[in-house]
Amino acid sequence: MHTKEKTPESDYLKKAIEAILFLSPKSTIITKIYQSFPNIDRDIIDIQIDDLIEDYKKRKTSLLIVKDNNKLEMVVKPDFHSFNIFATGTTLSKSELKTLAYVSLNTPIEQSKIVKKRPFEDLKILKDLDLINIEKKGRKNILSTTKKFTLLFKKKK
């Protein structure tokens, strides 16, 4: 377990990571964050990332920071999705939404089964938006939804 010691440097680091996530149009690979701070130990960066995620969970804000595998992203909490119309370039087409729904309802599912029913181009867009994962299993690609998808589309009961 790491000990958290609040210093001006750690405060700056956490704010810098927050700025990176805010300015990134989509998920940021954590190794790119490491590369942004070459003189800082990765464990220290990981502590600040985890601390930032917890800060956002505790804040009374419309935003969350999502960590999914080796990626981070700042997203809008599900209660505020009705305002997604104000986001530029992230609106899904009717076809993409249908494809995403099909993957969601059948996850995990072989890619070959999806492309028989839905356009292949939709998968690339959904993958680029980090809404689906494509994992190689032998000679097959297996599709599943991501943590980001769950946060964005699953409503609380």
N, C-alpha and C. Protein backbone atom coordinates (compact mmCIF):
# COMPACT_ATOMS: atom_id res chain seq x y z
N MET A 1 0.84 -1.19 0.00
CA MET A 1 0.00 0.00 0.00
C MET A 1 0.88 1.24 0.00
N HIS A 2 0.52 2.17 -0.84
CA HIS A 2 1.28 3.41 -0.94
C HIS A 2 0.81 4.39 0.13
N THR A 3 1.72 5.18 0.61
CA THR A 3 1.32 6.22 1.54
C THR A 3 1.11 7.50 0.74
N LYS A 4 0.01 8.17 1.03
CA LYS A 4 -0.29 9.41 0.32
C LYS A 4 0.23 10.57 1.13
N GLU A 5 1.14 11.28 0.54
CA GLU A 5 1.69 12.46 1.18
C GLU A 5 1.38 13.63 0.27
N LYS A 6 0.60 14.57 0.75
CA LYS A 6 0.20 15.71 -0.07
C LYS A 6 1.33 16.73 -0.09
N THR A 7 1.84 16.97 -1.28
CA THR A 7 2.90 17.96 -1.47
C THR A 7 2.48 18.87 -2.61
N PRO A 8 3.10 20.03 -2.73
CA PRO A 8 2.78 20.89 -3.89
C PRO A 8 3.00 20.16 -5.22
N GLU A 9 4.02 19.31 -5.26
CA GLU A 9 4.31 18.57 -6.49
C GLU A 9 3.20 17.57 -6.80
N SER A 10 2.72 16.85 -5.77
CA SER A 10 1.67 15.86 -6.02
C SER A 10 0.36 16.55 -6.40
N ASP A 11 0.09 17.71 -5.79
CA ASP A 11 -1.10 18.48 -6.12
C ASP A 11 -1.04 18.94 -7.58
N TYR A 12 0.13 19.43 -8.00
CA TYR A 12 0.31 19.85 -9.39
C TYR A 12 0.13 18.66 -10.33
N LEU A 13 0.72 17.52 -9.99
CA LEU A 13 0.64 16.33 -10.83
C LEU A 13 -0.82 15.91 -11.03
N LYS A 14 -1.57 15.88 -9.94
CA LYS A 14 -2.97 15.47 -10.02
C LYS A 14 -3.75 16.46 -10.90
N LYS A 15 -3.50 17.74 -10.75
CA LYS A 15 -4.19 18.75 -11.56
C LYS A 15 -3.77 18.64 -13.03
N ALA A 16 -2.52 18.32 -13.27
CA ALA A 16 -2.03 18.16 -14.64
C ALA A 16 -2.71 16.95 -15.31
N ILE A 17 -2.85 15.86 -14.58
CA ILE A 17 -3.54 14.67 -15.11
C ILE A 17 -5.00 15.02 -15.41
N GLU A 18 -5.62 15.76 -14.50
CA GLU A 18 -7.01 16.19 -14.71
C GLU A 18 -7.11 17.03 -15.99
N ALA A 19 -6.18 17.93 -16.21
CA ALA A 19 -6.18 18.77 -17.41
C ALA A 19 -6.03 17.91 -18.67
N ILE A 20 -5.14 16.93 -18.61
CA ILE A 20 -4.96 16.02 -19.75
C ILE A 20 -6.28 15.33 -20.09
N LEU A 21 -6.96 14.81 -19.07
CA LEU A 21 -8.21 14.10 -19.30
C LEU A 21 -9.31 15.03 -19.80
N PHE A 22 -9.36 16.23 -19.27
CA PHE A 22 -10.36 17.20 -19.69
C PHE A 22 -10.17 17.57 -21.16
N LEU A 23 -8.92 17.74 -21.57
CA LEU A 23 -8.62 18.18 -22.93
C LEU A 23 -8.65 17.05 -23.96
N SER A 24 -8.60 15.81 -23.51
CA SER A 24 -8.58 14.67 -24.43
C SER A 24 -9.97 14.41 -24.99
N PRO A 25 -10.10 14.32 -26.32
CA PRO A 25 -11.41 14.09 -26.91
C PRO A 25 -11.94 12.67 -26.69
N LYS A 26 -11.06 11.74 -26.34
CA LYS A 26 -11.49 10.38 -26.03
C LYS A 26 -10.55 9.80 -24.98
N SER A 27 -10.64 8.52 -24.76
CA SER A 27 -9.81 7.88 -23.73
C SER A 27 -8.33 8.17 -23.94
N THR A 28 -7.61 8.28 -22.82
CA THR A 28 -6.17 8.50 -22.85
C THR A 28 -5.48 7.25 -22.32
N ILE A 29 -4.55 6.74 -23.08
CA ILE A 29 -3.79 5.57 -22.65
C ILE A 29 -2.87 6.01 -21.51
N ILE A 30 -2.88 5.25 -20.43
CA ILE A 30 -2.12 5.64 -19.23
C ILE A 30 -0.63 5.77 -19.53
N THR A 31 -0.11 4.96 -20.44
CA THR A 31 1.32 5.08 -20.75
C THR A 31 1.65 6.45 -21.35
N LYS A 32 0.68 7.09 -22.03
CA LYS A 32 0.91 8.45 -22.54
C LYS A 32 1.01 9.44 -21.39
N ILE A 33 0.27 9.19 -20.33
CA ILE A 33 0.37 10.05 -19.15
C ILE A 33 1.76 9.87 -18.52
N TYR A 34 2.21 8.61 -18.42
CA TYR A 34 3.56 8.35 -17.89
C TYR A 34 4.59 9.11 -18.73
N GLN A 35 4.44 9.07 -20.05
CA GLN A 35 5.40 9.72 -20.94
C GLN A 35 5.39 11.24 -20.78
N SER A 36 4.27 11.79 -20.33
CA SER A 36 4.17 13.24 -20.13
C SER A 36 4.98 13.69 -18.92
N PHE A 37 5.29 12.74 -18.03
CA PHE A 37 6.04 13.05 -16.80
C PHE A 37 7.20 12.07 -16.66
N PRO A 38 8.21 12.18 -17.56
CA PRO A 38 9.28 11.19 -17.59
C PRO A 38 10.15 11.14 -16.33
N ASN A 39 10.15 12.20 -15.54
CA ASN A 39 10.99 12.23 -14.34
C ASN A 39 10.24 11.83 -13.07
N ILE A 40 8.99 11.37 -13.24
CA ILE A 40 8.20 10.98 -12.08
C ILE A 40 7.93 9.48 -12.13
N ASP A 41 8.14 8.83 -11.02
CA ASP A 41 7.94 7.39 -10.91
C ASP A 41 6.48 7.02 -11.24
N ARG A 42 6.30 5.93 -11.96
CA ARG A 42 4.96 5.50 -12.37
C ARG A 42 4.05 5.21 -11.17
N ASP A 43 4.61 4.69 -10.11
CA ASP A 43 3.80 4.42 -8.91
C ASP A 43 3.20 5.71 -8.35
N ILE A 44 3.98 6.78 -8.39
CA ILE A 44 3.49 8.08 -7.90
C ILE A 44 2.37 8.58 -8.81
N ILE A 45 2.55 8.42 -10.12
CA ILE A 45 1.51 8.82 -11.07
C ILE A 45 0.25 7.99 -10.83
N ASP A 46 0.40 6.68 -10.63
CA ASP A 46 -0.75 5.80 -10.37
C ASP A 46 -1.51 6.23 -9.11
N ILE A 47 -0.78 6.62 -8.07
CA ILE A 47 -1.41 7.09 -6.83
C ILE A 47 -2.26 8.33 -7.12
N GLN A 48 -1.70 9.26 -7.91
CA GLN A 48 -2.43 10.49 -8.22
C GLN A 48 -3.65 10.21 -9.11
N ILE A 49 -3.52 9.26 -10.01
CA ILE A 49 -4.66 8.87 -10.85
C ILE A 49 -5.77 8.30 -9.97
N ASP A 50 -5.43 7.36 -9.10
CA ASP A 50 -6.42 6.75 -8.22
C ASP A 50 -7.06 7.80 -7.30
N ASP A 51 -6.25 8.72 -6.81
CA ASP A 51 -6.74 9.79 -5.94
C ASP A 51 -7.71 10.70 -6.69
N LEU A 52 -7.38 11.01 -7.93
CA LEU A 52 -8.24 11.84 -8.77
C LEU A 52 -9.58 11.15 -9.04
N ILE A 53 -9.54 9.86 -9.33
CA ILE A 53 -10.76 9.09 -9.56
C ILE A 53 -11.65 9.14 -8.32
N GLU A 54 -11.05 8.96 -7.15
CA GLU A 54 -11.81 9.02 -5.89
C GLU A 54 -12.38 10.41 -5.64
N ASP A 55 -11.57 11.45 -5.95
CA ASP A 55 -12.06 12.83 -5.80
C ASP A 55 -13.33 13.04 -6.61
N TYR A 56 -13.33 12.57 -7.84
CA TYR A 56 -14.50 12.76 -8.71
C TYR A 56 -15.70 11.94 -8.24
N LYS A 57 -15.45 10.79 -7.65
CA LYS A 57 -16.56 9.98 -7.10
C LYS A 57 -17.23 10.71 -5.93
N LYS A 58 -16.42 11.42 -5.13
CA LYS A 58 -16.93 12.10 -3.93
C LYS A 58 -17.56 13.46 -4.24
N ARG A 59 -17.11 14.12 -5.30
CA ARG A 59 -17.60 15.46 -5.63
C ARG A 59 -19.06 15.42 -6.06
N LYS A 60 -19.73 16.50 -5.78
CA LYS A 60 -21.10 16.67 -6.27
C LYS A 60 -20.99 17.37 -7.62
N THR A 61 -20.62 16.58 -8.64
CA THR A 61 -20.39 17.11 -9.98
C THR A 61 -21.07 16.20 -11.00
N SER A 62 -21.15 16.65 -12.22
CA SER A 62 -21.76 15.85 -13.28
C SER A 62 -20.74 14.96 -13.99
N LEU A 63 -19.50 14.99 -13.55
CA LEU A 63 -18.43 14.26 -14.23
C LEU A 63 -17.87 13.12 -13.39
N LEU A 64 -17.32 12.13 -14.10
CA LEU A 64 -16.61 11.00 -13.49
C LEU A 64 -15.33 10.79 -14.27
N ILE A 65 -14.36 10.16 -13.63
CA ILE A 65 -13.18 9.69 -14.34
C ILE A 65 -13.25 8.18 -14.32
N VAL A 66 -13.19 7.60 -15.50
CA VAL A 66 -13.32 6.15 -15.67
C VAL A 66 -11.97 5.56 -16.02
N LYS A 67 -11.60 4.50 -15.32
CA LYS A 67 -10.38 3.77 -15.62
C LYS A 67 -10.80 2.40 -16.13
N ASP A 68 -10.43 2.10 -17.36
CA ASP A 68 -10.81 0.84 -17.99
C ASP A 68 -9.56 0.24 -18.62
N ASN A 69 -9.08 -0.86 -18.03
CA ASN A 69 -7.83 -1.49 -18.47
C ASN A 69 -6.71 -0.47 -18.40
N ASN A 70 -6.12 -0.12 -19.53
CA ASN A 70 -4.97 0.79 -19.53
C ASN A 70 -5.35 2.19 -20.02
N LYS A 71 -6.65 2.55 -19.86
CA LYS A 71 -7.12 3.84 -20.36
C LYS A 71 -7.87 4.61 -19.28
N LEU A 72 -7.85 5.93 -19.41
CA LEU A 72 -8.59 6.83 -18.53
C LEU A 72 -9.42 7.77 -19.38
N GLU A 73 -10.59 8.14 -18.84
CA GLU A 73 -11.41 9.12 -19.56
C GLU A 73 -12.31 9.86 -18.59
N MET A 74 -12.50 11.13 -18.88
CA MET A 74 -13.46 11.94 -18.13
C MET A 74 -14.79 11.83 -18.89
N VAL A 75 -15.85 11.43 -18.17
CA VAL A 75 -17.16 11.24 -18.80
C VAL A 75 -18.24 11.93 -17.98
N VAL A 76 -19.40 12.08 -18.60
CA VAL A 76 -20.57 12.66 -17.94
C VAL A 76 -21.30 11.54 -17.22
N LYS A 77 -21.73 11.80 -15.98
CA LYS A 77 -22.50 10.81 -15.22
C LYS A 77 -23.81 10.52 -15.95
N PRO A 78 -24.34 9.30 -15.80
CA PRO A 78 -25.57 8.91 -16.51
C PRO A 78 -26.74 9.87 -16.32
N ASP A 79 -26.87 10.46 -15.15
CA ASP A 79 -27.99 11.38 -14.90
C ASP A 79 -27.98 12.61 -15.82
N PHE A 80 -26.86 12.88 -16.47
CA PHE A 80 -26.72 14.08 -17.29
C PHE A 80 -26.56 13.78 -18.78
N HIS A 81 -26.87 12.55 -19.19
CA HIS A 81 -26.71 12.16 -20.60
C HIS A 81 -27.62 12.92 -21.55
N SER A 82 -28.71 13.44 -21.05
CA SER A 82 -29.61 14.18 -21.93
C SER A 82 -28.91 15.41 -22.52
N PHE A 83 -27.80 15.82 -21.93
CA PHE A 83 -27.06 16.98 -22.43
C PHE A 83 -25.96 16.62 -23.42
N ASN A 84 -25.86 15.32 -23.77
CA ASN A 84 -24.84 14.88 -24.73
C ASN A 84 -24.98 15.56 -26.09
N ILE A 85 -26.16 16.07 -26.37
CA ILE A 85 -26.39 16.76 -27.64
C ILE A 85 -25.43 17.93 -27.82
N PHE A 86 -24.92 18.47 -26.72
CA PHE A 86 -24.00 19.60 -26.79
C PHE A 86 -22.56 19.19 -27.11
N ALA A 87 -22.28 17.89 -27.03
CA ALA A 87 -20.94 17.40 -27.37
C ALA A 87 -20.80 17.38 -28.88
N THR A 88 -19.65 17.77 -29.37
CA THR A 88 -19.45 17.78 -30.82
C THR A 88 -18.72 16.53 -31.25
N GLY A 89 -19.19 15.94 -32.33
CA GLY A 89 -18.52 14.79 -32.91
C GLY A 89 -18.70 13.48 -32.16
N THR A 90 -19.55 13.43 -31.15
CA THR A 90 -19.69 12.18 -30.41
C THR A 90 -21.10 11.60 -30.50
N THR A 91 -21.96 12.21 -31.31
CA THR A 91 -23.31 11.70 -31.45
C THR A 91 -23.28 10.44 -32.30
N LEU A 92 -23.90 9.38 -31.81
CA LEU A 92 -23.95 8.13 -32.56
C LEU A 92 -25.12 8.17 -33.53
N SER A 93 -24.89 7.61 -34.71
CA SER A 93 -25.96 7.50 -35.70
C SER A 93 -26.95 6.42 -35.24
N LYS A 94 -28.09 6.38 -35.88
CA LYS A 94 -29.10 5.37 -35.56
C LYS A 94 -28.51 3.97 -35.78
N SER A 95 -27.76 3.80 -36.86
CA SER A 95 -27.13 2.51 -37.17
C SER A 95 -26.13 2.11 -36.09
N GLU A 96 -25.29 3.07 -35.67
CA GLU A 96 -24.29 2.79 -34.63
C GLU A 96 -24.96 2.43 -33.31
N LEU A 97 -26.05 3.14 -32.98
CA LEU A 97 -26.78 2.81 -31.75
C LEU A 97 -27.38 1.41 -31.81
N LYS A 98 -27.91 1.04 -32.97
CA LYS A 98 -28.48 -0.30 -33.14
C LYS A 98 -27.39 -1.37 -32.98
N THR A 99 -26.24 -1.11 -33.59
CA THR A 99 -25.13 -2.06 -33.48
C THR A 99 -24.66 -2.17 -32.04
N LEU A 100 -24.55 -1.04 -31.36
CA LEU A 100 -24.14 -1.03 -29.96
C LEU A 100 -25.14 -1.79 -29.10
N ALA A 101 -26.42 -1.59 -29.36
CA ALA A 101 -27.47 -2.31 -28.62
C ALA A 101 -27.36 -3.80 -28.86
N TYR A 102 -27.11 -4.19 -30.10
CA TYR A 102 -26.99 -5.61 -30.44
C TYR A 102 -25.80 -6.25 -29.71
N VAL A 103 -24.66 -5.54 -29.70
CA VAL A 103 -23.48 -6.05 -28.98
C VAL A 103 -23.81 -6.14 -27.48
N SER A 104 -24.43 -5.10 -26.96
CA SER A 104 -24.75 -5.05 -25.53
C SER A 104 -25.65 -6.20 -25.11
N LEU A 105 -26.66 -6.48 -25.89
CA LEU A 105 -27.62 -7.53 -25.54
C LEU A 105 -27.04 -8.93 -25.69
N ASN A 106 -25.99 -9.06 -26.50
CA ASN A 106 -25.43 -10.39 -26.78
C ASN A 106 -24.00 -10.57 -26.30
N THR A 107 -23.50 -9.63 -25.51
CA THR A 107 -22.10 -9.66 -25.09
C THR A 107 -21.81 -10.84 -24.17
N PRO A 108 -20.70 -11.52 -24.30
CA PRO A 108 -19.71 -11.44 -25.39
C PRO A 108 -20.23 -12.16 -26.62
N ILE A 109 -19.86 -11.66 -27.79
CA ILE A 109 -20.35 -12.23 -29.05
C ILE A 109 -19.24 -12.17 -30.09
N GLU A 110 -19.23 -13.16 -30.98
CA GLU A 110 -18.24 -13.20 -32.05
C GLU A 110 -18.53 -12.09 -33.06
N GLN A 111 -17.47 -11.44 -33.50
CA GLN A 111 -17.60 -10.36 -34.47
C GLN A 111 -18.29 -10.83 -35.74
N SER A 112 -17.99 -12.06 -36.17
CA SER A 112 -18.59 -12.58 -37.41
C SER A 112 -20.11 -12.63 -37.32
N LYS A 113 -20.65 -12.86 -36.13
CA LYS A 113 -22.11 -12.90 -35.97
C LYS A 113 -22.72 -11.50 -36.05
N ILE A 114 -21.96 -10.52 -35.60
CA ILE A 114 -22.43 -9.13 -35.65
C ILE A 114 -22.45 -8.62 -37.09
N VAL A 115 -21.36 -8.86 -37.83
CA VAL A 115 -21.26 -8.29 -39.18
C VAL A 115 -22.22 -8.95 -40.16
N LYS A 116 -22.81 -10.07 -39.79
CA LYS A 116 -23.86 -10.66 -40.63
C LYS A 116 -25.14 -9.82 -40.55
N LYS A 117 -25.32 -9.12 -39.44
CA LYS A 117 -26.55 -8.36 -39.21
C LYS A 117 -26.36 -6.85 -39.20
N ARG A 118 -25.15 -6.38 -38.91
CA ARG A 118 -24.90 -4.96 -38.73
C ARG A 118 -23.68 -4.53 -39.56
N PRO A 119 -23.58 -3.25 -39.94
CA PRO A 119 -22.44 -2.76 -40.73
C PRO A 119 -21.11 -2.85 -39.96
N PHE A 120 -20.10 -3.35 -40.64
CA PHE A 120 -18.77 -3.47 -40.04
C PHE A 120 -18.21 -2.11 -39.63
N GLU A 121 -18.51 -1.06 -40.40
CA GLU A 121 -18.00 0.29 -40.12
C GLU A 121 -18.42 0.77 -38.73
N ASP A 122 -19.62 0.35 -38.30
CA ASP A 122 -20.10 0.74 -36.97
C ASP A 122 -19.16 0.25 -35.88
N LEU A 123 -18.61 -0.94 -36.07
CA LEU A 123 -17.73 -1.52 -35.04
C LEU A 123 -16.48 -0.68 -34.84
N LYS A 124 -15.91 -0.19 -35.93
CA LYS A 124 -14.70 0.64 -35.82
C LYS A 124 -15.01 1.92 -35.04
N ILE A 125 -16.13 2.55 -35.34
CA ILE A 125 -16.52 3.78 -34.64
C ILE A 125 -16.75 3.50 -33.16
N LEU A 126 -17.47 2.43 -32.85
CA LEU A 126 -17.75 2.08 -31.46
C LEU A 126 -16.46 1.73 -30.71
N LYS A 127 -15.53 1.09 -31.39
CA LYS A 127 -14.23 0.77 -30.79
C LYS A 127 -13.43 2.05 -30.54
N ASP A 128 -13.42 2.96 -31.54
CA ASP A 128 -12.70 4.23 -31.39
C ASP A 128 -13.25 5.07 -30.25
N LEU A 129 -14.55 4.95 -29.99
CA LEU A 129 -15.18 5.69 -28.89
C LEU A 129 -15.07 4.94 -27.57
N ASP A 130 -14.40 3.80 -27.58
CA ASP A 130 -14.19 2.97 -26.39
C ASP A 130 -15.51 2.50 -25.77
N LEU A 131 -16.48 2.21 -26.64
CA LEU A 131 -17.75 1.67 -26.16
C LEU A 131 -17.78 0.15 -26.24
N ILE A 132 -16.91 -0.41 -27.12
CA ILE A 132 -16.78 -1.87 -27.20
C ILE A 132 -15.31 -2.26 -27.20
N ASN A 133 -15.06 -3.47 -26.71
CA ASN A 133 -13.74 -4.09 -26.77
C ASN A 133 -13.77 -5.14 -27.86
N ILE A 134 -12.67 -5.30 -28.56
CA ILE A 134 -12.52 -6.39 -29.53
C ILE A 134 -11.31 -7.18 -29.08
N GLU A 135 -11.56 -8.42 -28.66
CA GLU A 135 -10.50 -9.26 -28.12
C GLU A 135 -10.30 -10.48 -29.02
N LYS A 136 -9.06 -10.73 -29.38
CA LYS A 136 -8.72 -11.87 -30.23
C LYS A 136 -8.73 -13.14 -29.38
N LYS A 137 -9.52 -14.14 -29.78
CA LYS A 137 -9.55 -15.46 -29.12
C LYS A 137 -9.35 -16.49 -30.21
N GLY A 138 -8.11 -16.98 -30.33
CA GLY A 138 -7.80 -17.90 -31.42
C GLY A 138 -7.89 -17.14 -32.73
N ARG A 139 -8.75 -17.64 -33.62
CA ARG A 139 -8.92 -16.98 -34.92
C ARG A 139 -10.16 -16.08 -34.95
N LYS A 140 -10.83 -15.94 -33.83
CA LYS A 140 -12.07 -15.17 -33.77
C LYS A 140 -11.86 -13.88 -32.97
N ASN A 141 -12.63 -12.87 -33.34
CA ASN A 141 -12.69 -11.63 -32.57
C ASN A 141 -13.96 -11.67 -31.73
N ILE A 142 -13.79 -11.46 -30.42
CA ILE A 142 -14.92 -11.47 -29.50
C ILE A 142 -15.20 -10.03 -29.07
N LEU A 143 -16.46 -9.62 -29.21
CA LEU A 143 -16.86 -8.26 -28.87
C LEU A 143 -17.56 -8.24 -27.53
N SER A 144 -17.29 -7.19 -26.77
CA SER A 144 -17.99 -6.97 -25.50
C SER A 144 -18.04 -5.47 -25.26
N THR A 145 -18.92 -5.07 -24.36
CA THR A 145 -19.02 -3.65 -24.03
C THR A 145 -17.96 -3.30 -22.99
N THR A 146 -17.66 -2.03 -22.88
CA THR A 146 -16.62 -1.55 -21.96
C THR A 146 -17.24 -0.96 -20.69
N LYS A 147 -16.37 -0.64 -19.76
CA LYS A 147 -16.79 0.04 -18.53
C LYS A 147 -17.40 1.40 -18.87
N LYS A 148 -16.82 2.08 -19.85
CA LYS A 148 -17.35 3.38 -20.28
C LYS A 148 -18.79 3.21 -20.77
N PHE A 149 -19.04 2.18 -21.58
CA PHE A 149 -20.40 1.91 -22.05
C PHE A 149 -21.35 1.77 -20.87
N THR A 150 -20.94 0.97 -19.89
CA THR A 150 -21.78 0.73 -18.72
C THR A 150 -22.11 2.03 -18.01
N LEU A 151 -21.11 2.88 -17.83
CA LEU A 151 -21.34 4.16 -17.15
C LEU A 151 -22.24 5.10 -17.96
N LEU A 152 -22.09 5.07 -19.27
CA LEU A 152 -22.85 5.98 -20.11
C LEU A 152 -24.28 5.53 -20.36
N PHE A 153 -24.51 4.22 -20.48
CA PHE A 153 -25.81 3.76 -20.95
C PHE A 153 -26.64 2.97 -19.95
N LYS A 154 -26.04 2.45 -18.93
CA LYS A 154 -26.82 1.68 -17.96
C LYS A 154 -27.43 2.62 -16.94
N LYS A 155 -28.73 2.60 -16.86
CA LYS A 155 -29.44 3.46 -15.90
C LYS A 155 -29.50 2.79 -14.54
N LYS A 156 -29.43 3.60 -13.49
CA LYS A 156 -29.61 3.09 -12.13
C LYS A 156 -31.07 2.75 -11.94
N LYS A 157 -31.33 1.65 -11.23
CA LYS A 157 -32.72 1.25 -10.99
C LYS A 157 -33.26 1.89 -9.76
